[in-house]
Amino acid sequence: MTKLNLGGAWSKFDGFTSIDLRKTPNVDIVGDIRDLKKLGFEDNSVEEIVAFHSLEHIPFMETRKTIKQWYDIMKPGAKITIACPDLDYLYSALDSGEIDFDYFEQNLFGEFGGYWSMEQDWHHAAFTKKSMKKLLEEAGFKSISFKPPRNEDYKYEFVVEALK
């Protein structure tokens, strides 16, 4: 059973193979999640994908192609779960005064410095629920549903699940 944790430098899930551009204790395969076929994953070979706060690190012009490739390597009926900053929430919270500009900027563009010092750590794309749904539908995903943020620390995110 092949389950992938894409962009998993800082997270580990039981039963999942973690892939990231850099080697950390959590990473099983060092590689680019934009081209999983180059890493040996064939069409219809993956049972589940989680991509928590990784899609926004891919240049926007490459997100359609990336999501489509993720779709292609998944088995029919396989589930994908994506979490990323919710652009609508961030703008609304900034406008209402719920968050300050520093918090907005950090979540829109990513953190800078420390272990976030490499370019792939910065955000190169931003999504609303509507735009994410469209990207997933274009790739062929079905049964798209949005879930609440994973916890209070991640209230600025949306979580979306979809099936191939």
N, C-alpha and C. Protein backbone atom coordinates (compact mmCIF):
# COMPACT_ATOMS: atom_id res chain seq x y z
N MET A 1 0.86 -1.18 0.00
CA MET A 1 0.00 0.00 0.00
C MET A 1 0.90 1.24 0.00
N THR A 2 0.72 2.11 -0.98
CA THR A 2 1.54 3.31 -1.09
C THR A 2 0.72 4.54 -0.72
N LYS A 3 1.16 5.21 0.33
CA LYS A 3 0.55 6.46 0.77
C LYS A 3 1.66 7.49 0.85
N LEU A 4 1.41 8.69 0.34
CA LEU A 4 2.45 9.72 0.27
C LEU A 4 2.10 10.94 1.10
N ASN A 5 3.09 11.43 1.82
CA ASN A 5 3.04 12.69 2.55
C ASN A 5 3.94 13.66 1.78
N LEU A 6 3.34 14.53 1.00
CA LEU A 6 4.10 15.40 0.10
C LEU A 6 4.49 16.69 0.80
N GLY A 7 5.77 17.00 0.76
CA GLY A 7 6.28 18.16 1.47
C GLY A 7 6.38 17.90 2.96
N GLY A 8 6.71 16.68 3.32
CA GLY A 8 6.67 16.25 4.72
C GLY A 8 7.95 16.42 5.51
N ALA A 9 8.68 17.49 5.28
CA ALA A 9 9.94 17.69 6.01
C ALA A 9 9.74 17.76 7.51
N TRP A 10 8.62 18.32 7.94
CA TRP A 10 8.41 18.57 9.37
C TRP A 10 7.26 17.76 9.94
N SER A 11 6.72 16.80 9.19
CA SER A 11 5.62 15.98 9.70
C SER A 11 5.82 14.53 9.27
N LYS A 12 5.36 13.63 10.12
CA LYS A 12 5.45 12.20 9.82
C LYS A 12 4.11 11.56 10.19
N PHE A 13 3.56 10.76 9.29
CA PHE A 13 2.31 10.06 9.53
C PHE A 13 2.54 8.57 9.36
N ASP A 14 2.02 7.78 10.28
CA ASP A 14 2.18 6.33 10.21
C ASP A 14 1.65 5.79 8.88
N GLY A 15 2.46 4.97 8.24
CA GLY A 15 2.05 4.33 7.01
C GLY A 15 2.26 5.17 5.76
N PHE A 16 2.75 6.40 5.91
CA PHE A 16 2.97 7.29 4.78
C PHE A 16 4.46 7.44 4.50
N THR A 17 4.81 7.51 3.23
CA THR A 17 6.16 7.81 2.80
C THR A 17 6.26 9.33 2.62
N SER A 18 7.19 9.95 3.34
CA SER A 18 7.34 11.41 3.28
C SER A 18 8.36 11.79 2.22
N ILE A 19 7.97 12.74 1.38
CA ILE A 19 8.83 13.23 0.30
C ILE A 19 9.01 14.73 0.47
N ASP A 20 10.25 15.20 0.38
CA ASP A 20 10.53 16.63 0.48
C ASP A 20 11.83 16.91 -0.26
N LEU A 21 12.06 18.19 -0.56
CA LEU A 21 13.29 18.59 -1.26
C LEU A 21 14.53 18.48 -0.39
N ARG A 22 14.35 18.50 0.92
CA ARG A 22 15.51 18.42 1.81
C ARG A 22 15.38 17.22 2.73
N LYS A 23 16.52 16.74 3.18
CA LYS A 23 16.55 15.60 4.09
C LYS A 23 16.40 16.09 5.52
N THR A 24 15.36 15.61 6.18
CA THR A 24 15.17 15.82 7.61
C THR A 24 14.90 14.43 8.20
N PRO A 25 14.85 14.31 9.52
CA PRO A 25 14.57 13.00 10.10
C PRO A 25 13.23 12.40 9.66
N ASN A 26 12.28 13.23 9.22
CA ASN A 26 10.97 12.74 8.80
C ASN A 26 10.90 12.30 7.34
N VAL A 27 11.89 12.67 6.54
CA VAL A 27 11.83 12.46 5.10
C VAL A 27 12.38 11.09 4.71
N ASP A 28 11.58 10.36 3.94
CA ASP A 28 11.99 9.05 3.43
C ASP A 28 12.63 9.16 2.05
N ILE A 29 12.11 10.07 1.22
CA ILE A 29 12.61 10.26 -0.14
C ILE A 29 12.88 11.74 -0.35
N VAL A 30 14.10 12.07 -0.74
CA VAL A 30 14.43 13.45 -1.09
C VAL A 30 14.13 13.61 -2.57
N GLY A 31 13.22 14.54 -2.88
CA GLY A 31 12.85 14.75 -4.27
C GLY A 31 11.81 15.83 -4.40
N ASP A 32 11.53 16.19 -5.63
CA ASP A 32 10.61 17.27 -5.96
C ASP A 32 9.19 16.71 -6.11
N ILE A 33 8.27 17.20 -5.31
CA ILE A 33 6.88 16.70 -5.35
C ILE A 33 6.14 17.15 -6.61
N ARG A 34 6.75 18.02 -7.41
CA ARG A 34 6.13 18.43 -8.67
C ARG A 34 6.26 17.34 -9.73
N ASP A 35 7.21 16.42 -9.56
CA ASP A 35 7.42 15.39 -10.58
C ASP A 35 7.63 14.04 -9.90
N LEU A 36 6.54 13.46 -9.42
CA LEU A 36 6.62 12.19 -8.71
C LEU A 36 6.92 11.02 -9.64
N LYS A 37 6.62 11.17 -10.91
CA LYS A 37 6.95 10.11 -11.87
C LYS A 37 8.46 9.96 -11.98
N LYS A 38 9.17 11.06 -11.87
CA LYS A 38 10.62 11.03 -11.90
C LYS A 38 11.18 10.26 -10.69
N LEU A 39 10.39 10.20 -9.63
CA LEU A 39 10.80 9.47 -8.43
C LEU A 39 10.34 8.01 -8.46
N GLY A 40 9.73 7.60 -9.58
CA GLY A 40 9.37 6.20 -9.76
C GLY A 40 7.91 5.84 -9.49
N PHE A 41 7.08 6.83 -9.22
CA PHE A 41 5.66 6.54 -8.98
C PHE A 41 4.92 6.51 -10.32
N GLU A 42 4.29 5.39 -10.58
CA GLU A 42 3.60 5.19 -11.86
C GLU A 42 2.13 5.56 -11.75
N ASP A 43 1.49 5.73 -12.90
CA ASP A 43 0.06 6.00 -12.91
C ASP A 43 -0.70 4.90 -12.16
N ASN A 44 -1.75 5.32 -11.44
CA ASN A 44 -2.63 4.40 -10.71
C ASN A 44 -1.89 3.53 -9.69
N SER A 45 -0.90 4.11 -9.00
CA SER A 45 -0.10 3.32 -8.07
C SER A 45 -0.20 3.77 -6.61
N VAL A 46 -0.80 4.92 -6.35
CA VAL A 46 -0.80 5.50 -5.00
C VAL A 46 -2.21 5.45 -4.42
N GLU A 47 -2.32 5.01 -3.18
CA GLU A 47 -3.62 4.84 -2.52
C GLU A 47 -4.12 6.09 -1.81
N GLU A 48 -3.20 6.94 -1.37
CA GLU A 48 -3.62 8.16 -0.66
C GLU A 48 -2.48 9.17 -0.69
N ILE A 49 -2.86 10.44 -0.76
CA ILE A 49 -1.89 11.54 -0.70
C ILE A 49 -2.36 12.54 0.34
N VAL A 50 -1.42 13.00 1.17
CA VAL A 50 -1.65 14.18 2.00
C VAL A 50 -0.60 15.20 1.59
N ALA A 51 -1.04 16.44 1.48
CA ALA A 51 -0.16 17.55 1.12
C ALA A 51 -0.53 18.72 2.03
N PHE A 52 0.03 18.71 3.23
CA PHE A 52 -0.27 19.75 4.21
C PHE A 52 0.74 20.88 4.09
N HIS A 53 0.27 22.00 3.62
CA HIS A 53 1.08 23.21 3.47
C HIS A 53 2.31 22.96 2.60
N SER A 54 2.05 22.39 1.43
CA SER A 54 3.12 22.19 0.45
C SER A 54 2.75 22.75 -0.92
N LEU A 55 1.48 22.71 -1.30
CA LEU A 55 1.10 23.17 -2.64
C LEU A 55 1.39 24.66 -2.83
N GLU A 56 1.25 25.45 -1.78
CA GLU A 56 1.51 26.89 -1.90
C GLU A 56 2.99 27.20 -2.10
N HIS A 57 3.85 26.21 -1.92
CA HIS A 57 5.29 26.40 -2.12
C HIS A 57 5.71 26.13 -3.56
N ILE A 58 4.77 25.69 -4.37
CA ILE A 58 5.02 25.42 -5.78
C ILE A 58 4.65 26.66 -6.58
N PRO A 59 5.49 27.08 -7.53
CA PRO A 59 5.14 28.25 -8.34
C PRO A 59 3.74 28.11 -8.94
N PHE A 60 2.96 29.18 -8.85
CA PHE A 60 1.56 29.14 -9.27
C PHE A 60 1.38 28.58 -10.67
N MET A 61 2.26 28.94 -11.59
CA MET A 61 2.12 28.49 -12.97
C MET A 61 2.33 26.98 -13.12
N GLU A 62 2.81 26.32 -12.07
CA GLU A 62 3.03 24.88 -12.12
C GLU A 62 2.00 24.08 -11.31
N THR A 63 1.08 24.77 -10.65
CA THR A 63 0.16 24.05 -9.76
C THR A 63 -0.82 23.17 -10.52
N ARG A 64 -1.34 23.62 -11.65
CA ARG A 64 -2.27 22.78 -12.44
C ARG A 64 -1.60 21.48 -12.86
N LYS A 65 -0.42 21.60 -13.42
CA LYS A 65 0.32 20.43 -13.89
C LYS A 65 0.64 19.50 -12.72
N THR A 66 1.01 20.06 -11.59
CA THR A 66 1.35 19.26 -10.42
C THR A 66 0.14 18.49 -9.90
N ILE A 67 -0.98 19.18 -9.74
CA ILE A 67 -2.19 18.52 -9.25
C ILE A 67 -2.64 17.43 -10.22
N LYS A 68 -2.53 17.69 -11.51
CA LYS A 68 -2.90 16.69 -12.51
C LYS A 68 -2.00 15.46 -12.41
N GLN A 69 -0.72 15.67 -12.19
CA GLN A 69 0.17 14.53 -12.06
C GLN A 69 -0.13 13.73 -10.78
N TRP A 70 -0.45 14.45 -9.69
CA TRP A 70 -0.85 13.75 -8.47
C TRP A 70 -2.07 12.88 -8.77
N TYR A 71 -3.02 13.45 -9.48
CA TYR A 71 -4.23 12.70 -9.86
C TYR A 71 -3.85 11.45 -10.66
N ASP A 72 -2.99 11.62 -11.63
CA ASP A 72 -2.63 10.51 -12.52
C ASP A 72 -2.00 9.34 -11.77
N ILE A 73 -1.17 9.62 -10.75
CA ILE A 73 -0.49 8.52 -10.06
C ILE A 73 -1.38 7.84 -9.02
N MET A 74 -2.53 8.45 -8.73
CA MET A 74 -3.43 7.87 -7.73
C MET A 74 -4.29 6.76 -8.34
N LYS A 75 -4.57 5.75 -7.51
CA LYS A 75 -5.46 4.67 -7.93
C LYS A 75 -6.90 5.19 -7.98
N PRO A 76 -7.75 4.61 -8.80
CA PRO A 76 -9.16 4.99 -8.78
C PRO A 76 -9.74 4.85 -7.37
N GLY A 77 -10.46 5.86 -6.92
CA GLY A 77 -11.05 5.85 -5.59
C GLY A 77 -10.13 6.35 -4.49
N ALA A 78 -8.87 6.63 -4.82
CA ALA A 78 -7.90 7.10 -3.82
C ALA A 78 -8.27 8.51 -3.36
N LYS A 79 -7.86 8.81 -2.13
CA LYS A 79 -8.19 10.12 -1.52
C LYS A 79 -6.95 11.00 -1.46
N ILE A 80 -7.17 12.29 -1.72
CA ILE A 80 -6.15 13.30 -1.50
C ILE A 80 -6.68 14.29 -0.47
N THR A 81 -5.81 14.72 0.44
CA THR A 81 -6.14 15.75 1.42
C THR A 81 -5.08 16.84 1.30
N ILE A 82 -5.55 18.05 1.05
CA ILE A 82 -4.66 19.20 0.90
C ILE A 82 -5.04 20.24 1.95
N ALA A 83 -4.04 20.80 2.60
CA ALA A 83 -4.26 21.94 3.50
C ALA A 83 -3.35 23.06 3.04
N CYS A 84 -3.89 24.27 2.98
CA CYS A 84 -3.08 25.42 2.62
C CYS A 84 -3.74 26.69 3.14
N PRO A 85 -2.99 27.80 3.18
CA PRO A 85 -3.58 29.04 3.66
C PRO A 85 -4.82 29.42 2.85
N ASP A 86 -5.83 29.90 3.54
CA ASP A 86 -7.10 30.31 2.95
C ASP A 86 -7.04 31.80 2.66
N LEU A 87 -6.84 32.15 1.40
CA LEU A 87 -6.68 33.54 1.01
C LEU A 87 -7.90 34.38 1.40
N ASP A 88 -9.10 33.84 1.24
CA ASP A 88 -10.31 34.58 1.63
C ASP A 88 -10.31 34.89 3.13
N TYR A 89 -9.98 33.88 3.94
CA TYR A 89 -9.94 34.10 5.39
C TYR A 89 -8.90 35.16 5.75
N LEU A 90 -7.71 35.06 5.17
CA LEU A 90 -6.63 36.00 5.50
C LEU A 90 -7.03 37.43 5.18
N TYR A 91 -7.60 37.66 3.99
CA TYR A 91 -8.02 39.02 3.63
C TYR A 91 -9.13 39.52 4.54
N SER A 92 -10.10 38.68 4.81
CA SER A 92 -11.22 39.07 5.68
C SER A 92 -10.73 39.37 7.09
N ALA A 93 -9.86 38.52 7.63
CA ALA A 93 -9.36 38.71 8.99
C ALA A 93 -8.49 39.96 9.09
N LEU A 94 -7.73 40.25 8.05
CA LEU A 94 -6.93 41.48 8.04
C LEU A 94 -7.84 42.69 8.00
N ASP A 95 -8.83 42.65 7.12
CA ASP A 95 -9.76 43.77 6.95
C ASP A 95 -10.55 44.05 8.23
N SER A 96 -10.92 43.01 8.96
CA SER A 96 -11.71 43.19 10.18
C SER A 96 -10.86 43.52 11.41
N GLY A 97 -9.55 43.42 11.28
CA GLY A 97 -8.67 43.67 12.42
C GLY A 97 -8.42 42.45 13.28
N GLU A 98 -8.95 41.29 12.88
CA GLU A 98 -8.72 40.06 13.65
C GLU A 98 -7.24 39.68 13.67
N ILE A 99 -6.56 39.94 12.55
CA ILE A 99 -5.12 39.68 12.48
C ILE A 99 -4.42 40.96 12.05
N ASP A 100 -3.14 41.06 12.38
CA ASP A 100 -2.37 42.22 11.95
C ASP A 100 -1.65 41.90 10.64
N PHE A 101 -1.02 42.93 10.07
CA PHE A 101 -0.38 42.75 8.77
C PHE A 101 0.76 41.75 8.83
N ASP A 102 1.51 41.70 9.94
CA ASP A 102 2.61 40.74 10.05
C ASP A 102 2.11 39.30 9.95
N TYR A 103 1.00 39.01 10.63
CA TYR A 103 0.42 37.66 10.58
C TYR A 103 -0.06 37.36 9.16
N PHE A 104 -0.73 38.33 8.55
CA PHE A 104 -1.21 38.19 7.18
C PHE A 104 -0.04 37.89 6.24
N GLU A 105 1.00 38.70 6.34
CA GLU A 105 2.16 38.57 5.46
C GLU A 105 2.86 37.22 5.66
N GLN A 106 3.01 36.81 6.90
CA GLN A 106 3.66 35.53 7.20
C GLN A 106 2.89 34.37 6.58
N ASN A 107 1.58 34.40 6.65
CA ASN A 107 0.78 33.29 6.13
C ASN A 107 0.56 33.36 4.62
N LEU A 108 0.62 34.55 4.06
CA LEU A 108 0.48 34.68 2.62
C LEU A 108 1.78 34.33 1.90
N PHE A 109 2.90 34.82 2.42
CA PHE A 109 4.18 34.64 1.73
C PHE A 109 5.08 33.58 2.35
N GLY A 110 4.77 33.13 3.57
CA GLY A 110 5.63 32.17 4.25
C GLY A 110 6.57 32.88 5.20
N GLU A 111 7.18 32.09 6.06
CA GLU A 111 8.12 32.65 7.02
C GLU A 111 9.49 32.77 6.38
N PHE A 112 10.28 33.69 6.87
CA PHE A 112 11.62 33.90 6.33
C PHE A 112 12.62 33.80 7.47
N GLY A 113 13.78 33.21 7.19
CA GLY A 113 14.82 33.08 8.19
C GLY A 113 14.76 31.76 8.91
N GLY A 114 15.82 31.46 9.66
CA GLY A 114 15.88 30.21 10.39
C GLY A 114 15.80 29.04 9.43
N TYR A 115 15.00 28.04 9.79
CA TYR A 115 14.89 26.89 8.89
C TYR A 115 13.98 27.18 7.71
N TRP A 116 13.44 28.37 7.62
CA TRP A 116 12.63 28.79 6.47
C TRP A 116 13.45 29.65 5.51
N SER A 117 14.75 29.43 5.47
CA SER A 117 15.63 30.32 4.72
C SER A 117 15.79 29.94 3.25
N MET A 118 15.31 28.78 2.84
CA MET A 118 15.46 28.36 1.46
C MET A 118 14.26 28.82 0.63
N GLU A 119 14.50 29.10 -0.64
CA GLU A 119 13.43 29.63 -1.49
C GLU A 119 12.21 28.71 -1.53
N GLN A 120 12.41 27.40 -1.50
CA GLN A 120 11.25 26.50 -1.56
C GLN A 120 10.39 26.58 -0.30
N ASP A 121 10.89 27.25 0.75
CA ASP A 121 10.09 27.43 1.96
C ASP A 121 9.09 28.58 1.82
N TRP A 122 9.30 29.45 0.86
CA TRP A 122 8.43 30.60 0.69
C TRP A 122 7.20 30.20 -0.11
N HIS A 123 6.15 30.97 0.02
CA HIS A 123 4.92 30.70 -0.72
C HIS A 123 4.98 31.34 -2.10
N HIS A 124 4.67 30.54 -3.10
CA HIS A 124 4.69 30.99 -4.49
C HIS A 124 3.30 30.95 -5.13
N ALA A 125 2.30 30.55 -4.35
CA ALA A 125 0.93 30.47 -4.85
C ALA A 125 -0.02 30.71 -3.68
N ALA A 126 -1.22 31.14 -4.00
CA ALA A 126 -2.26 31.35 -2.97
C ALA A 126 -3.59 30.88 -3.54
N PHE A 127 -4.45 30.39 -2.64
CA PHE A 127 -5.69 29.77 -3.08
C PHE A 127 -6.86 30.20 -2.21
N THR A 128 -8.01 30.28 -2.84
CA THR A 128 -9.28 30.37 -2.13
C THR A 128 -9.92 28.99 -2.24
N LYS A 129 -10.98 28.76 -1.49
CA LYS A 129 -11.68 27.48 -1.63
C LYS A 129 -12.21 27.32 -3.06
N LYS A 130 -12.71 28.41 -3.61
CA LYS A 130 -13.27 28.36 -4.97
C LYS A 130 -12.18 28.02 -5.99
N SER A 131 -11.02 28.65 -5.88
CA SER A 131 -9.95 28.37 -6.85
C SER A 131 -9.41 26.95 -6.68
N MET A 132 -9.32 26.48 -5.43
CA MET A 132 -8.83 25.11 -5.20
C MET A 132 -9.82 24.09 -5.77
N LYS A 133 -11.10 24.32 -5.55
CA LYS A 133 -12.12 23.40 -6.09
C LYS A 133 -12.01 23.32 -7.61
N LYS A 134 -11.82 24.47 -8.25
CA LYS A 134 -11.69 24.51 -9.71
C LYS A 134 -10.46 23.72 -10.17
N LEU A 135 -9.33 23.91 -9.50
CA LEU A 135 -8.11 23.20 -9.88
C LEU A 135 -8.28 21.69 -9.73
N LEU A 136 -8.92 21.27 -8.64
CA LEU A 136 -9.14 19.84 -8.42
C LEU A 136 -10.10 19.26 -9.46
N GLU A 137 -11.17 19.99 -9.76
CA GLU A 137 -12.12 19.52 -10.79
C GLU A 137 -11.44 19.41 -12.14
N GLU A 138 -10.63 20.41 -12.50
CA GLU A 138 -9.94 20.38 -13.79
C GLU A 138 -9.03 19.16 -13.91
N ALA A 139 -8.44 18.75 -12.80
CA ALA A 139 -7.55 17.58 -12.81
C ALA A 139 -8.33 16.27 -12.90
N GLY A 140 -9.63 16.31 -12.56
CA GLY A 140 -10.46 15.12 -12.63
C GLY A 140 -10.99 14.63 -11.30
N PHE A 141 -10.63 15.29 -10.21
CA PHE A 141 -11.09 14.85 -8.89
C PHE A 141 -12.60 15.03 -8.73
N LYS A 142 -13.18 14.17 -7.90
CA LYS A 142 -14.62 14.17 -7.60
C LYS A 142 -14.81 14.23 -6.09
N SER A 143 -16.05 14.32 -5.66
CA SER A 143 -16.40 14.31 -4.23
C SER A 143 -15.53 15.27 -3.43
N ILE A 144 -15.42 16.49 -3.92
CA ILE A 144 -14.57 17.50 -3.28
C ILE A 144 -15.32 18.09 -2.09
N SER A 145 -14.69 18.05 -0.93
CA SER A 145 -15.33 18.60 0.27
C SER A 145 -14.30 19.32 1.13
N PHE A 146 -14.75 20.42 1.72
CA PHE A 146 -13.88 21.22 2.59
C PHE A 146 -14.16 20.89 4.03
N LYS A 147 -13.10 20.79 4.81
CA LYS A 147 -13.17 20.46 6.23
C LYS A 147 -12.69 21.68 7.02
N PRO A 148 -13.03 21.74 8.32
CA PRO A 148 -12.54 22.85 9.13
C PRO A 148 -11.02 22.76 9.31
N PRO A 149 -10.41 23.87 9.70
CA PRO A 149 -8.97 23.82 10.00
C PRO A 149 -8.67 22.72 11.02
N ARG A 150 -7.44 22.21 10.97
CA ARG A 150 -7.07 21.08 11.82
C ARG A 150 -7.08 21.43 13.31
N ASN A 151 -6.74 22.66 13.67
CA ASN A 151 -6.82 23.11 15.07
C ASN A 151 -6.70 24.63 15.10
N GLU A 152 -6.79 25.21 16.28
CA GLU A 152 -6.79 26.67 16.43
C GLU A 152 -5.51 27.31 15.88
N ASP A 153 -4.39 26.61 15.97
CA ASP A 153 -3.14 27.15 15.43
C ASP A 153 -3.19 27.31 13.92
N TYR A 154 -4.09 26.58 13.28
CA TYR A 154 -4.21 26.61 11.82
C TYR A 154 -5.54 27.20 11.36
N LYS A 155 -6.08 28.13 12.11
CA LYS A 155 -7.39 28.68 11.77
C LYS A 155 -7.40 29.41 10.43
N TYR A 156 -6.23 29.78 9.93
CA TYR A 156 -6.10 30.51 8.66
C TYR A 156 -6.10 29.57 7.45
N GLU A 157 -6.16 28.27 7.66
CA GLU A 157 -6.06 27.32 6.55
C GLU A 157 -7.43 26.78 6.15
N PHE A 158 -7.47 26.19 4.96
CA PHE A 158 -8.59 25.31 4.65
C PHE A 158 -8.02 23.93 4.38
N VAL A 159 -8.84 22.94 4.63
CA VAL A 159 -8.49 21.55 4.36
C VAL A 159 -9.51 21.04 3.35
N VAL A 160 -9.04 20.45 2.29
CA VAL A 160 -9.93 19.92 1.26
C VAL A 160 -9.60 18.46 1.01
N GLU A 161 -10.64 17.66 0.88
CA GLU A 161 -10.50 16.25 0.53
C GLU A 161 -11.19 16.01 -0.80
N ALA A 162 -10.61 15.12 -1.59
CA ALA A 162 -11.20 14.77 -2.88
C ALA A 162 -10.83 13.34 -3.23
N LEU A 163 -11.60 12.76 -4.13
CA LEU A 163 -11.36 11.39 -4.58
C LEU A 163 -11.08 11.35 -6.07
N LYS A 164 -10.24 10.40 -6.45
CA LYS A 164 -10.00 10.17 -7.88
C LYS A 164 -11.16 9.34 -8.41
